[in-house]
């Protein structure tokens, strides 16, 4: 009798311990903490990294935490020998991955890689090594720019060779294809075949492949199976272009219609606003960055409309982070980091501080 009682007590303890460790996961009440990613356009380099990317910046521009409380921040001080990071480097190093936007397609040069791009990539490679982060190169273009390069066999081969050279030359983890957008079934098939070609060379070089997609610009089901990650642009919808409800619908539509594994989806968060009058002829042409909206209209954290613009404020961004966590998707990405601002109104701070 005593042995049976002791045995039952041990079993109860084991069950209780198991519930404490795994109960919330088994019940589905707690999701994963989403990966945080961001796009970094070439035209934001000088904004995030003042001066030249080769260095030569004074200490007061490099300090990641400028504050009157820090006596060591003096405008007369030069860069100290123990320098580690600038404000921009500290910010970018906080994301698990950033996409350098953009290496553009060009009919004449296959891929446009200007000298400034090369200098930027070398500089950003330092952040990758310093923080053990990932950097992917975004190859962007429209059908007009991409089609001539992939319908001509010789140019197609040269384009793929150029992409593989990029994989080998820089400290990158992958390639991101942003083809906006295939316009008909023939172009969608070409897009599919091109994705397959890039996937082959990505696998050969042990790199990842991602692609940017829209819920309203649908592709053949097979296309979504090719990349390692799918960057869902959950914005630029009609009317109030990126509501929480619209994002939920887009996310669940893609997950259920195409049976995409949640761990492949990265949900886009806009750091900009569009006018919310969908009947206006300016709807697709008029926008403002979140930084500009805060500067011009000083909205409260719970507001998503100001000055005729619809945007995502801190509280909506927090709700979307919870949405990503609840669906156990791979993560979220920002378009784009240079549209944010520092301080209490920062959207990046909401994303990076999120812990479920």
Protein backbone atom coordinates (compact mmCIF):
# COMPACT_ATOMS: atom_id res chain seq x y z
CA UNK A 1 0.00 0.00 0.00
CA UNK A 2 2.79 2.44 0.92
CA UNK A 3 4.66 1.58 -2.28
CA UNK A 4 1.56 2.24 -4.41
CA UNK A 5 0.96 5.54 -2.66
CA UNK A 6 4.58 6.57 -3.22
CA UNK A 7 4.41 5.49 -6.86
CA UNK A 8 1.27 7.59 -7.45
CA UNK A 9 2.86 10.62 -5.82
CA UNK A 10 5.91 10.31 -8.07
CA UNK A 11 3.66 10.02 -11.14
CA UNK A 12 1.67 13.08 -10.10
CA UNK A 13 4.89 15.04 -9.62
CA UNK A 14 6.17 14.03 -13.08
CA UNK A 15 2.87 15.01 -14.70
CA UNK A 16 2.85 18.35 -12.88
CA UNK A 17 6.45 19.06 -13.89
CA UNK A 18 5.67 18.15 -17.52
CA UNK A 19 2.71 20.52 -17.53
CA UNK A 20 4.83 23.36 -16.16
CA UNK A 21 7.47 22.85 -18.82
CA UNK A 22 5.32 22.08 -21.83
CA UNK A 23 1.72 22.81 -20.94
CA UNK A 24 1.45 26.21 -22.54
CA UNK A 25 3.01 24.91 -25.77
CA UNK A 26 0.76 21.86 -25.91
CA UNK A 27 -2.34 23.93 -25.32
CA UNK A 28 -1.47 26.27 -28.17
CA UNK A 29 -1.91 29.32 -25.98
CA UNK A 30 1.63 30.56 -26.43
CA UNK A 31 3.25 31.12 -29.81
CA UNK A 32 6.85 31.52 -30.85
CA UNK A 33 8.70 34.80 -30.62
CA UNK A 34 8.85 35.94 -34.28
CA UNK A 35 12.16 36.62 -35.98
CA UNK A 36 12.69 40.34 -36.62
CA UNK A 37 13.91 41.35 -40.08
CA UNK A 38 14.07 44.59 -42.03
CA UNK A 39 14.73 45.97 -45.47
CA UNK A 40 17.64 48.39 -45.70
CA UNK A 41 17.52 50.46 -48.92
CA UNK A 42 20.77 51.77 -50.37
CA UNK A 43 19.43 55.32 -50.13
CA UNK A 44 19.19 55.02 -46.32
CA UNK A 45 22.90 54.29 -45.79
CA UNK A 46 23.92 57.89 -45.16
CA UNK A 47 20.93 58.42 -42.88
CA UNK A 48 21.74 55.43 -40.67
CA UNK A 49 25.51 55.67 -40.92
CA UNK A 50 26.46 59.39 -40.94
CA UNK A 51 29.57 60.41 -42.83
CA UNK A 52 31.23 57.92 -45.09
CA UNK A 53 30.98 54.19 -44.67
CA UNK A 54 34.78 54.06 -44.60
CA UNK A 55 34.85 55.79 -41.22
CA UNK A 56 36.22 59.16 -40.18
CA UNK A 57 33.14 60.08 -38.13
CA UNK A 58 33.58 61.90 -34.81
CA UNK A 59 32.71 60.11 -31.58
CA UNK A 60 29.53 62.05 -30.91
CA UNK A 61 28.11 60.75 -34.18
CA UNK A 62 29.18 57.18 -33.48
CA UNK A 63 27.91 56.80 -29.92
CA UNK A 64 24.85 54.50 -29.93
CA UNK A 65 23.37 56.00 -26.77
CA UNK A 66 23.76 59.81 -26.94
CA UNK A 67 22.45 61.42 -23.78
CA UNK A 68 23.18 64.37 -21.56
CA UNK A 69 23.60 61.92 -18.70
CA UNK A 70 26.66 60.38 -20.33
CA UNK A 71 29.65 62.54 -19.47
CA UNK A 72 31.82 60.73 -22.01
CA UNK A 73 29.75 62.05 -24.92
CA UNK A 74 31.57 65.21 -25.82
CA UNK A 75 31.58 66.82 -29.21
CA UNK A 76 35.32 67.40 -29.00
CA UNK A 77 36.26 63.79 -28.40
CA UNK A 78 37.66 61.73 -31.25
CA UNK A 79 36.83 58.11 -31.96
CA UNK A 80 38.20 56.03 -29.05
CA UNK A 81 40.43 53.01 -29.60
CA UNK A 82 37.76 50.71 -28.12
CA UNK A 83 35.14 51.87 -30.64
CA UNK A 84 32.67 49.10 -31.38
CA UNK A 85 29.54 50.42 -33.00
CA UNK A 86 27.63 53.39 -34.29
CA UNK A 87 23.95 54.05 -33.59
CA UNK A 88 23.05 52.61 -36.98
CA UNK A 89 25.19 49.54 -36.47
CA UNK A 90 23.64 48.92 -33.06
CA UNK A 91 20.14 49.19 -34.55
CA UNK A 92 20.83 46.94 -37.54
CA UNK A 93 22.63 44.46 -35.32
CA UNK A 94 19.43 44.07 -33.29
CA UNK A 95 17.60 42.41 -36.21
CA UNK A 96 18.16 38.76 -37.02
CA UNK A 97 18.42 39.54 -40.74
CA UNK A 98 18.37 42.53 -43.03
CA UNK A 99 17.77 42.70 -46.77
CA UNK A 100 20.00 45.08 -48.69
CA UNK A 101 17.71 46.77 -51.19
CA UNK A 102 18.36 46.78 -54.05
CA UNK A 103 20.50 45.18 -56.71
CA UNK A 104 18.49 46.03 -59.81
CA UNK A 105 18.15 44.13 -63.04
CA UNK A 106 19.49 45.92 -66.10
CA UNK A 107 19.17 44.73 -69.69
CA UNK A 108 22.64 45.99 -70.54
CA UNK A 109 24.64 45.03 -67.44
CA UNK A 110 22.62 41.98 -66.32
CA UNK A 111 22.72 43.21 -62.70
CA UNK A 112 23.49 46.79 -61.71
CA UNK A 113 26.14 46.69 -58.99
CA UNK A 114 27.55 50.17 -58.64
CA UNK A 115 30.77 50.94 -56.77
CA UNK A 116 28.73 52.48 -53.97
CA UNK A 117 26.81 49.21 -53.59
CA UNK A 118 30.09 47.34 -53.30
CA UNK A 119 31.36 49.71 -50.60
CA UNK A 120 28.06 49.45 -48.75
CA UNK A 121 28.11 45.66 -48.83
CA UNK A 122 31.65 45.53 -47.48
CA UNK A 123 30.65 47.87 -44.68
CA UNK A 124 27.50 45.92 -43.86
CA UNK A 125 29.50 42.69 -43.80
CA UNK A 126 31.18 44.10 -40.71
CA UNK A 127 27.83 44.25 -38.92
CA UNK A 128 27.07 40.69 -40.01
CA UNK A 129 30.31 39.47 -38.44
CA UNK A 130 30.13 41.72 -35.36
CA UNK A 131 26.63 40.63 -34.36
CA UNK A 132 26.46 37.20 -36.00
CA UNK A 133 23.48 38.31 -38.09
CA UNK A 134 22.29 37.51 -41.61
CA UNK A 135 22.28 39.73 -44.68
CA UNK A 136 20.45 38.89 -47.89
CA UNK A 137 20.65 40.74 -51.18
CA UNK A 138 17.36 41.86 -52.66
CA UNK A 139 17.20 41.57 -56.45
CA UNK A 140 14.36 43.83 -57.52
CA UNK A 141 12.72 44.73 -60.77
CA UNK A 142 9.54 44.85 -62.82
CA UNK A 143 8.54 42.55 -65.65
CA UNK A 144 9.83 45.15 -68.10
CA UNK A 145 13.31 44.94 -66.56
CA UNK A 146 13.48 41.22 -65.83
CA UNK A 147 11.83 39.58 -68.84
CA UNK A 148 14.50 40.51 -71.45
CA UNK A 149 17.12 38.83 -69.27
CA UNK A 150 15.36 35.52 -68.75
CA UNK A 151 13.68 35.00 -72.13
CA UNK A 152 16.99 35.26 -74.02
CA UNK A 153 18.98 32.08 -73.29
CA UNK A 154 22.42 33.72 -73.35
CA UNK A 155 21.35 36.61 -71.09
CA UNK A 156 19.57 34.19 -68.77
CA UNK A 157 22.78 32.21 -68.32
CA UNK A 158 24.77 35.41 -67.74
CA UNK A 159 22.21 36.66 -65.22
CA UNK A 160 22.35 33.45 -63.21
CA UNK A 161 26.15 33.51 -63.32
CA UNK A 162 26.10 37.10 -62.03
CA UNK A 163 23.78 36.10 -59.17
CA UNK A 164 26.08 33.21 -58.23
CA UNK A 165 29.09 35.53 -58.25
CA UNK A 166 27.29 37.78 -55.77
CA UNK A 167 26.71 34.79 -53.51
CA UNK A 168 30.40 33.98 -53.51
CA UNK A 169 31.78 37.52 -53.28
CA UNK A 170 30.01 38.96 -50.24
CA UNK A 171 29.25 37.86 -46.70
CA UNK A 172 25.60 37.17 -47.44
CA UNK A 173 23.26 34.45 -46.26
CA UNK A 174 20.85 34.51 -49.17
CA UNK A 175 19.07 36.07 -52.13
CA UNK A 176 15.65 37.76 -52.01
CA UNK A 177 13.73 38.10 -55.29
CA UNK A 178 11.32 41.03 -55.49
CA UNK A 179 9.65 40.79 -58.90
CA UNK A 180 6.74 43.26 -58.81
CA UNK A 181 4.78 41.71 -60.43
CA UNK A 182 4.25 38.98 -63.06
CA UNK A 183 1.30 40.28 -65.06
CA UNK A 184 -0.18 37.17 -66.71
CA UNK A 185 0.04 33.37 -66.75
CA UNK A 186 2.99 33.34 -69.14
CA UNK A 187 5.01 35.69 -66.93
CA UNK A 188 4.03 33.72 -63.83
CA UNK A 189 5.44 30.57 -65.43
CA UNK A 190 8.66 32.41 -66.28
CA UNK A 191 8.84 33.65 -62.71
CA UNK A 192 8.42 30.06 -61.49
CA UNK A 193 11.18 28.76 -63.77
CA UNK A 194 13.50 31.60 -62.74
CA UNK A 195 12.90 30.84 -59.07
CA UNK A 196 13.83 27.20 -59.69
CA UNK A 197 17.09 28.27 -61.36
CA UNK A 198 18.04 30.59 -58.49
CA UNK A 199 17.16 27.89 -55.95
CA UNK A 200 19.61 25.50 -57.62
CA UNK A 201 22.53 27.88 -57.33
CA UNK A 202 21.46 28.99 -53.84
CA UNK A 203 21.51 25.39 -52.63
CA UNK A 204 24.83 24.81 -54.35
CA UNK A 205 26.33 27.74 -52.44
CA UNK A 206 24.55 26.89 -49.16
CA UNK A 207 22.52 30.12 -49.31
CA UNK A 208 18.83 30.72 -48.67
CA UNK A 209 16.23 31.98 -51.13
CA UNK A 210 13.29 34.21 -50.26
CA UNK A 211 10.74 36.06 -52.37
CA UNK A 212 8.41 38.98 -51.83
CA UNK A 213 4.74 38.25 -52.55
CA UNK A 214 1.37 39.97 -52.31
CA UNK A 215 -1.89 38.38 -51.28
CA UNK A 216 -3.57 40.13 -54.22
CA UNK A 217 -0.94 39.20 -56.85
CA UNK A 218 -1.26 35.43 -56.67
CA UNK A 219 1.21 32.99 -58.19
CA UNK A 220 0.99 29.29 -59.12
CA UNK A 221 0.87 27.06 -56.04
CA UNK A 222 4.18 25.42 -56.99
CA UNK A 223 6.00 28.75 -56.76
CA UNK A 224 5.37 29.07 -53.03
CA UNK A 225 7.07 25.71 -52.41
CA UNK A 226 10.42 26.79 -53.87
CA UNK A 227 11.85 29.46 -51.54
CA UNK A 228 13.02 28.94 -47.98
CA UNK A 229 11.09 32.02 -46.84
CA UNK A 230 8.15 33.99 -48.20
CA UNK A 231 8.01 37.71 -47.40
CA UNK A 232 4.30 38.52 -47.39
CA UNK A 233 3.78 42.20 -48.16
CA UNK A 234 0.81 42.73 -45.84
CA UNK A 235 0.31 46.32 -46.93
CA UNK A 236 -0.70 48.38 -49.99
CA UNK A 237 -4.19 46.89 -49.82
CA UNK A 238 -7.18 48.90 -50.99
CA UNK A 239 -8.40 51.72 -48.72
CA UNK A 240 -6.83 51.64 -45.24
CA UNK A 241 -3.93 49.76 -46.67
CA UNK A 242 -2.65 47.68 -43.75
CA UNK A 243 -5.19 47.20 -40.98
CA UNK A 244 -4.87 44.44 -38.38
CA UNK A 245 -7.98 42.77 -39.83
CA UNK A 246 -6.61 42.96 -43.39
CA UNK A 247 -3.29 41.53 -42.27
CA UNK A 248 -5.02 38.65 -40.49
CA UNK A 249 -7.06 37.86 -43.61
CA UNK A 250 -3.98 37.97 -45.87
CA UNK A 251 -1.96 35.78 -43.53
CA UNK A 252 -4.64 33.13 -43.08
CA UNK A 253 -5.54 33.19 -46.78
CA UNK A 254 -1.95 32.40 -47.78
CA UNK A 255 -1.53 29.75 -45.10
CA UNK A 256 -4.75 27.89 -45.92
CA UNK A 257 -5.12 28.28 -49.68
CA UNK A 258 -1.53 27.30 -50.49
CA UNK A 259 -0.83 25.18 -47.39
CA UNK A 260 2.36 27.13 -46.78
CA UNK A 261 4.09 25.97 -43.59
CA UNK A 262 3.86 28.81 -41.03
CA UNK A 263 7.61 28.68 -40.44
CA UNK A 264 8.14 29.87 -44.04
CA UNK A 265 6.04 33.03 -43.74
CA UNK A 266 7.53 36.42 -42.81
CA UNK A 267 4.81 39.05 -42.37
CA UNK A 268 5.43 42.61 -43.60
CA UNK A 269 4.91 45.66 -41.39
CA UNK A 270 4.66 49.11 -43.04
CA UNK A 271 6.59 52.03 -41.58
CA UNK A 272 4.69 54.46 -43.79
CA UNK A 273 1.17 55.68 -44.39
CA UNK A 274 -1.05 56.07 -47.44
CA UNK A 275 -4.04 58.33 -47.81
CA UNK A 276 -7.07 56.30 -46.76
CA UNK A 277 -9.50 57.57 -49.39
CA UNK A 278 -9.44 54.70 -51.84
CA UNK A 279 -11.48 56.70 -54.38
CA UNK A 280 -8.87 59.45 -54.59
CA UNK A 281 -6.81 59.52 -57.82
CA UNK A 282 -3.77 60.13 -55.57
CA UNK A 283 -4.28 56.93 -53.59
CA UNK A 284 -1.32 55.03 -55.02
CA UNK A 285 0.91 58.08 -55.40
CA UNK A 286 0.61 59.87 -52.08
CA UNK A 287 2.34 58.48 -49.01
CA UNK A 288 4.35 59.64 -46.01
CA UNK A 289 6.88 57.88 -43.84
CA UNK A 290 5.93 57.18 -40.24
CA UNK A 291 8.66 59.59 -39.17
CA UNK A 292 7.11 62.38 -41.23
CA UNK A 293 3.60 61.60 -39.95
CA UNK A 294 4.75 61.86 -36.32
CA UNK A 295 6.62 65.07 -37.11
CA UNK A 296 3.67 66.71 -38.86
CA UNK A 297 0.69 65.46 -36.84
CA UNK A 298 1.93 64.07 -33.46
CA UNK A 299 -0.56 61.16 -33.31
CA UNK A 300 -1.22 59.28 -30.06
CA UNK A 301 0.13 55.69 -29.80
CA UNK A 302 -3.32 54.20 -30.41
CA UNK A 303 -4.07 56.33 -33.49
CA UNK A 304 -3.67 54.95 -37.02
CA UNK A 305 -4.99 57.94 -38.97
CA UNK A 306 -3.66 61.48 -39.15
CA UNK A 307 -3.67 64.21 -41.76
CA UNK A 308 -5.59 62.03 -44.18
CA UNK A 309 -3.02 59.21 -43.94
CA UNK A 310 -3.61 55.70 -42.66
CA UNK A 311 -0.58 54.10 -40.98
CA UNK A 312 0.32 51.67 -38.20
CA UNK A 313 1.00 53.26 -34.83
CA UNK A 314 2.79 51.56 -31.90
CA UNK A 315 -0.29 49.81 -30.54
CA UNK A 316 -1.24 48.34 -33.93
CA UNK A 317 2.34 47.17 -34.50
CA UNK A 318 2.25 45.48 -31.07
CA UNK A 319 -1.03 43.73 -31.98
CA UNK A 320 0.49 42.53 -35.25
CA UNK A 321 3.51 41.14 -33.40
CA UNK A 322 1.07 39.16 -31.27
CA UNK A 323 -0.72 38.06 -34.44
CA UNK A 324 2.56 36.71 -35.84
CA UNK A 325 3.30 34.95 -32.56
CA UNK A 326 -0.16 33.39 -32.35
CA UNK A 327 0.21 31.92 -35.84
CA UNK A 328 3.73 30.60 -35.14
CA UNK A 329 5.09 32.09 -38.36
CA UNK A 330 8.80 32.56 -38.98
CA UNK A 331 8.79 36.28 -38.28
CA UNK A 332 8.09 39.81 -39.39
CA UNK A 333 9.90 42.24 -41.65
CA UNK A 334 9.84 46.02 -41.90
CA UNK A 335 9.46 48.12 -45.00
CA UNK A 336 11.60 49.97 -44.31
CA UNK A 337 13.86 50.85 -41.39
CA UNK A 338 14.75 54.39 -42.50
CA UNK A 339 11.10 55.49 -42.19
CA UNK A 340 11.16 55.12 -38.41
CA UNK A 341 12.26 57.66 -35.81
CA UNK A 342 14.09 57.46 -32.50
CA UNK A 343 12.48 58.01 -29.13
CA UNK A 344 9.30 56.89 -27.41
CA UNK A 345 7.28 56.85 -30.65
CA UNK A 346 9.67 54.43 -32.39
CA UNK A 347 8.03 51.44 -34.06
CA UNK A 348 11.34 49.54 -34.15
CA UNK A 349 11.43 49.69 -30.38
CA UNK A 350 8.00 48.03 -30.20
CA UNK A 351 9.16 45.22 -32.48
CA UNK A 352 12.53 44.63 -30.86
CA UNK A 353 11.12 44.79 -27.31
CA UNK A 354 8.34 42.32 -28.04
CA UNK A 355 8.73 39.16 -25.95
CA UNK A 356 5.32 37.55 -26.26
